[in-house]
Amino acid sequence: MPKPKISSKSSSARLKALPWAAALQVVVAVARRWKALSERDRARLSQLTRDSRGRLGNLSAKERGELRKLAGKLDLKGMGRELLPLVRGGRAGRKARRRRP
């Protein structure tokens, strides 16, 4: 009788095998920040993105500033830090520097 195969895959290897799990983590992170905005901010951000049709040049300078302000409220930097382990393959933090003796 053959022995059952024991999987020794790392968590990042398992994550790559399940791309939907990574996509779900992205959706959860985006939804959390979207819901943190007020209803008025969400409506205005939606309107500005529709009006721009994907090009900032389609907005006036005032609207671009407003879009920038609303995007800042989304905490995109924080979302990037939260999702960085997905890109790095699950590694957390920076590599430790070796000190010279």
Protein backbone atom coordinates (compact mmCIF):
# COMPACT_ATOMS: atom_id res chain seq x y z
CA MET A 1 0.00 0.00 0.00
CA PRO A 2 1.55 3.37 -1.04
CA LYS A 3 2.21 5.99 1.60
CA PRO A 4 0.07 9.11 1.46
CA LYS A 5 1.95 12.09 0.15
CA ILE A 6 2.59 14.74 2.80
CA SER A 7 2.51 18.21 1.37
CA SER A 8 5.42 20.39 2.45
CA LYS A 9 4.37 23.44 0.49
CA SER A 10 4.98 26.77 2.12
CA SER A 11 2.06 29.10 2.71
CA SER A 12 3.13 31.26 -0.23
CA ALA A 13 3.24 28.24 -2.52
CA ARG A 14 -0.26 27.30 -1.39
CA LEU A 15 -1.41 30.86 -2.01
CA LYS A 16 -0.05 30.74 -5.56
CA ALA A 17 -1.91 27.50 -6.06
CA LEU A 18 -5.09 29.31 -5.01
CA PRO A 19 -5.09 32.63 -6.90
CA TRP A 20 -8.69 33.24 -5.89
CA ALA A 21 -7.56 33.42 -2.25
CA ALA A 22 -5.20 36.28 -3.10
CA ALA A 23 -7.93 38.00 -5.09
CA LEU A 24 -10.28 37.64 -2.13
CA GLN A 25 -7.74 39.28 0.18
CA VAL A 26 -7.48 42.22 -2.24
CA VAL A 27 -11.25 42.57 -2.42
CA VAL A 28 -11.55 42.52 1.38
CA ALA A 29 -8.83 45.17 1.79
CA VAL A 30 -10.42 47.45 -0.82
CA ALA A 31 -13.94 46.97 0.57
CA ARG A 32 -12.79 47.77 4.11
CA ARG A 33 -11.36 51.10 2.98
CA TRP A 34 -14.30 51.88 0.71
CA LYS A 35 -16.76 51.37 3.57
CA ALA A 36 -14.64 53.61 5.80
CA LEU A 37 -15.56 56.55 3.54
CA SER A 38 -18.77 58.44 4.22
CA GLU A 39 -21.68 57.87 1.84
CA ARG A 40 -21.17 61.37 0.45
CA ASP A 41 -17.44 60.76 -0.19
CA ARG A 42 -18.17 57.43 -1.89
CA ALA A 43 -20.75 59.05 -4.17
CA ARG A 44 -18.41 61.93 -5.06
CA LEU A 45 -15.45 59.61 -5.70
CA SER A 46 -17.63 57.46 -7.96
CA GLN A 47 -18.83 60.52 -9.84
CA LEU A 48 -15.31 61.88 -10.33
CA THR A 49 -13.99 58.55 -11.63
CA ARG A 50 -16.93 58.29 -14.04
CA ASP A 51 -16.42 61.86 -15.24
CA SER A 52 -12.70 61.31 -15.76
CA ARG A 53 -13.26 58.13 -17.80
CA GLY A 54 -9.88 56.93 -16.54
CA ARG A 55 -7.96 60.07 -17.53
CA LEU A 56 -7.09 62.74 -15.00
CA GLY A 57 -6.82 65.25 -17.83
CA ASN A 58 -10.59 65.03 -18.29
CA LEU A 59 -11.06 66.68 -14.88
CA SER A 60 -10.55 70.31 -13.94
CA ALA A 61 -7.71 71.24 -11.58
CA LYS A 62 -10.22 71.65 -8.76
CA GLU A 63 -11.72 68.20 -9.44
CA ARG A 64 -8.26 66.62 -9.59
CA GLY A 65 -7.49 68.10 -6.17
CA GLU A 66 -10.77 66.77 -4.82
CA LEU A 67 -10.03 63.33 -6.27
CA ARG A 68 -6.56 63.40 -4.69
CA LYS A 69 -8.08 64.31 -1.32
CA LEU A 70 -10.64 61.49 -1.52
CA ALA A 71 -7.99 58.98 -2.60
CA GLY A 72 -5.95 60.03 0.44
CA LYS A 73 -8.90 59.15 2.65
CA LEU A 74 -8.82 55.63 1.18
CA ASP A 75 -5.36 55.11 2.77
CA LEU A 76 -3.85 53.58 -0.35
CA LYS A 77 -0.40 53.42 1.27
CA GLY A 78 -1.82 51.38 4.12
CA MET A 79 -3.56 49.08 1.68
CA GLY A 80 -0.28 48.63 -0.18
CA ARG A 81 1.49 47.64 3.04
CA GLU A 82 -1.32 45.23 3.84
CA LEU A 83 -1.16 43.59 0.40
CA LEU A 84 2.62 43.62 0.00
CA PRO A 85 3.07 40.10 1.44
CA LEU A 86 0.93 38.78 -1.42
CA VAL A 87 3.34 40.23 -3.94
CA ARG A 88 6.46 39.23 -2.01
CA GLY A 89 5.28 35.66 -1.61
CA GLY A 90 4.38 35.87 2.05
CA ARG A 91 7.65 37.25 3.35
CA ALA A 92 7.13 39.78 6.07
CA GLY A 93 9.37 42.74 6.75
CA ARG A 94 12.71 43.64 5.28
CA LYS A 95 15.74 41.45 5.02
CA ALA A 96 18.02 41.88 7.97
CA ARG A 97 21.26 43.63 7.16
CA ARG A 98 24.44 41.80 7.98
CA ARG A 99 26.72 43.74 10.23
CA ARG A 100 30.37 43.81 9.56
CA PRO A 101 32.60 42.74 12.44
